[in-house]
Amino acid sequence: MIRFFLLQNRQGKTRLSKWYVPPPSSSAGVTANGFSSADYSANNQTEAEKARIEAEVHRLVTSRDKKYTNFIEYNNYKLIYRRYAGLFFTIAVDVQDNELSYLESIHLFVELLDSYFANVCELDIVFNFNKVYMILDEYMLAGEIEETSKREILERVKYLEKLD
């Protein structure tokens, strides 16, 4: 299962961040009415934990030599990453998952972006982030790969654009 999907540039700026499983953190206790005693604080802790993990993932991925594999054991999951031009695409998955299939899924996502934007660049991702998330949502759903046909995914995205 996919834990999170990150797209970061060489400087460490996160351009796309999709979390399918919240990061592990210590949360506040729940009161009798069912709400957390510190909902706002817990949400800030979760966002701070995500930012910390994203920074650490960037540090790990960019500091690795090219002669090593694109797989890193990190905490209780595995990071699979690939660099395209100045962007690092990183997927965190369960330790027992197949690394090569997720490496291929990164490549397919890049092909989807390239087909949709006709030679994608970082600025396309920055200025059309909602379309990038829409493509990602058509490709991956709830931490699992939903569709692998590039043609089918792009047709769905075009159809959804017509509805807007």
Protein backbone atom coordinates (compact mmCIF):
# COMPACT_ATOMS: atom_id res chain seq x y z
CA MET A 1 0.00 0.00 0.00
CA ILE A 2 1.17 3.49 -0.82
CA ARG A 3 1.71 5.66 2.26
CA PHE A 4 2.46 8.94 0.49
CA PHE A 5 3.52 10.35 -2.86
CA LEU A 6 5.89 13.31 -3.07
CA LEU A 7 7.14 15.45 -5.91
CA GLN A 8 10.04 17.69 -4.89
CA ASN A 9 12.54 19.85 -6.72
CA ARG A 10 16.30 19.86 -6.13
CA GLN A 11 16.05 22.73 -3.64
CA GLY A 12 13.67 20.75 -1.42
CA LYS A 13 10.47 22.58 -2.32
CA THR A 14 7.56 20.14 -2.31
CA ARG A 15 5.52 20.59 -5.48
CA LEU A 16 3.04 17.79 -4.88
CA SER A 17 2.23 15.95 -1.67
CA LYS A 18 -0.44 13.28 -1.41
CA TRP A 19 -0.78 11.41 1.88
CA TYR A 20 -2.87 8.24 1.83
CA VAL A 21 -2.02 7.29 5.43
CA PRO A 22 -1.45 9.98 8.08
CA PRO A 23 2.05 10.09 9.52
CA PRO A 24 2.56 8.42 12.89
CA SER A 25 2.30 10.96 15.69
CA SER A 26 1.29 11.26 19.28
CA SER A 27 -2.23 12.62 19.42
CA ALA A 28 -4.11 14.25 22.26
CA GLY A 29 -6.81 12.42 24.19
CA VAL A 30 -10.43 12.32 23.09
CA THR A 31 -13.06 13.95 25.28
CA ALA A 32 -16.50 12.57 26.16
CA ASN A 33 -18.19 14.45 23.29
CA GLY A 34 -15.97 12.64 20.76
CA PHE A 35 -13.79 15.58 19.84
CA SER A 36 -10.10 15.73 20.54
CA SER A 37 -9.13 17.91 23.47
CA ALA A 38 -6.76 19.76 21.18
CA ASP A 39 -8.03 19.33 17.58
CA TYR A 40 -6.24 22.41 16.33
CA SER A 41 -3.01 21.44 18.07
CA ALA A 42 -3.19 17.85 16.79
CA ASN A 43 -3.75 19.07 13.22
CA ASN A 44 -0.73 21.38 13.53
CA GLN A 45 1.33 18.47 14.87
CA THR A 46 0.28 16.32 11.91
CA GLU A 47 1.21 19.05 9.43
CA ALA A 48 4.52 19.63 11.22
CA GLU A 49 5.24 15.89 11.13
CA LYS A 50 4.47 15.78 7.39
CA ALA A 51 6.82 18.71 6.78
CA ARG A 52 9.54 17.02 8.85
CA ILE A 53 9.17 13.75 6.93
CA GLU A 54 9.16 15.56 3.59
CA ALA A 55 12.37 17.41 4.50
CA GLU A 56 14.03 14.20 5.67
CA VAL A 57 12.95 12.31 2.55
CA HIS A 58 14.39 15.09 0.40
CA ARG A 59 17.66 14.97 2.31
CA LEU A 60 17.89 11.19 1.89
CA VAL A 61 16.99 11.15 -1.79
CA THR A 62 19.17 14.04 -2.97
CA SER A 63 22.24 12.99 -1.01
CA ARG A 64 22.34 9.46 -2.47
CA ASP A 65 24.95 8.68 -5.07
CA LYS A 66 23.62 7.66 -8.50
CA LYS A 67 25.43 4.32 -8.31
CA TYR A 68 23.05 3.13 -5.57
CA THR A 69 19.56 1.75 -6.09
CA ASN A 70 16.45 3.94 -6.04
CA PHE A 71 15.11 2.17 -2.94
CA ILE A 72 15.64 3.32 0.64
CA GLU A 73 14.43 1.68 3.84
CA TYR A 74 12.97 4.51 5.92
CA ASN A 75 11.28 4.05 9.31
CA ASN A 76 8.66 1.32 8.85
CA TYR A 77 8.28 1.70 5.09
CA LYS A 78 10.28 1.78 1.89
CA LEU A 79 10.98 4.84 -0.26
CA ILE A 80 11.10 4.38 -4.01
CA TYR A 81 12.24 7.43 -5.93
CA ARG A 82 13.19 8.51 -9.40
CA ARG A 83 14.69 11.73 -10.69
CA TYR A 84 13.45 13.39 -13.86
CA ALA A 85 15.34 16.57 -14.78
CA GLY A 86 15.21 18.67 -11.59
CA LEU A 87 12.29 16.84 -9.95
CA PHE A 88 12.32 13.90 -7.56
CA PHE A 89 9.26 11.63 -7.57
CA THR A 90 9.07 9.61 -4.33
CA ILE A 91 6.60 6.96 -3.21
CA ALA A 92 6.59 5.50 0.29
CA VAL A 93 5.19 1.96 0.43
CA ASP A 94 5.00 -0.97 2.83
CA VAL A 95 8.26 -2.87 3.27
CA GLN A 96 6.96 -6.08 1.66
CA ASP A 97 5.67 -4.35 -1.53
CA ASN A 98 7.39 -4.82 -4.90
CA GLU A 99 9.84 -1.99 -5.54
CA LEU A 100 10.03 -2.41 -9.31
CA SER A 101 6.29 -2.13 -9.81
CA TYR A 102 6.29 1.20 -7.97
CA LEU A 103 9.32 2.39 -9.92
CA GLU A 104 7.30 1.65 -13.07
CA SER A 105 4.29 3.46 -11.60
CA ILE A 106 6.42 6.58 -11.11
CA HIS A 107 7.45 6.35 -14.75
CA LEU A 108 3.85 5.95 -15.88
CA PHE A 109 2.82 9.01 -13.84
CA VAL A 110 5.56 11.05 -15.53
CA GLU A 111 4.35 9.79 -18.93
CA LEU A 112 0.80 10.82 -17.99
CA LEU A 113 1.97 14.32 -17.07
CA ASP A 114 4.08 14.52 -20.21
CA SER A 115 1.16 13.47 -22.42
CA TYR A 116 -1.30 15.81 -20.73
CA PHE A 117 0.90 18.90 -20.65
CA ALA A 118 2.84 18.14 -23.88
CA ASN A 119 6.39 18.07 -22.52
CA VAL A 120 5.77 18.82 -18.83
CA CYS A 121 8.02 21.07 -16.77
CA GLU A 122 8.04 22.19 -13.14
CA LEU A 123 6.07 25.34 -13.93
CA ASP A 124 3.24 23.27 -15.41
CA ILE A 125 3.00 21.45 -12.09
CA VAL A 126 3.15 24.65 -10.05
CA PHE A 127 0.52 26.57 -12.04
CA ASN A 128 -1.78 23.62 -12.79
CA PHE A 129 -1.50 21.76 -9.49
CA ASN A 130 -5.24 21.03 -9.44
CA LYS A 131 -4.98 19.19 -12.77
CA VAL A 132 -1.91 17.29 -11.55
CA TYR A 133 -3.85 16.17 -8.47
CA MET A 134 -6.76 15.17 -10.71
CA ILE A 135 -4.44 13.00 -12.84
CA LEU A 136 -2.94 11.47 -9.70
CA ASP A 137 -6.40 10.75 -8.28
CA GLU A 138 -7.42 9.00 -11.50
CA TYR A 139 -4.24 6.93 -11.33
CA MET A 140 -4.01 6.16 -7.59
CA LEU A 141 -6.92 5.85 -5.21
CA ALA A 142 -6.75 5.32 -1.44
CA GLY A 143 -3.13 4.21 -1.58
CA GLU A 144 -3.57 1.66 -4.37
CA ILE A 145 -3.02 1.89 -8.10
CA GLU A 146 -6.46 2.16 -9.67
CA GLU A 147 -5.78 2.26 -13.41
CA THR A 148 -2.68 1.50 -15.48
CA SER A 149 -3.90 2.42 -18.96
CA LYS A 150 -2.51 5.79 -19.96
CA ARG A 151 -5.20 6.24 -22.60
CA GLU A 152 -8.00 5.45 -20.14
CA ILE A 153 -6.69 7.83 -17.48
CA LEU A 154 -6.25 10.71 -19.93
CA GLU A 155 -9.75 10.13 -21.36
CA ARG A 156 -11.23 10.32 -17.84
CA VAL A 157 -9.34 13.52 -17.10
CA LYS A 158 -10.52 15.11 -20.37
CA TYR A 159 -14.09 14.03 -19.55
CA LEU A 160 -13.86 15.58 -16.07
CA GLU A 161 -12.59 18.82 -17.60
CA LYS A 162 -15.65 18.97 -19.84
CA LEU A 163 -17.86 18.81 -16.73
CA ASP A 164 -16.27 21.96 -15.28
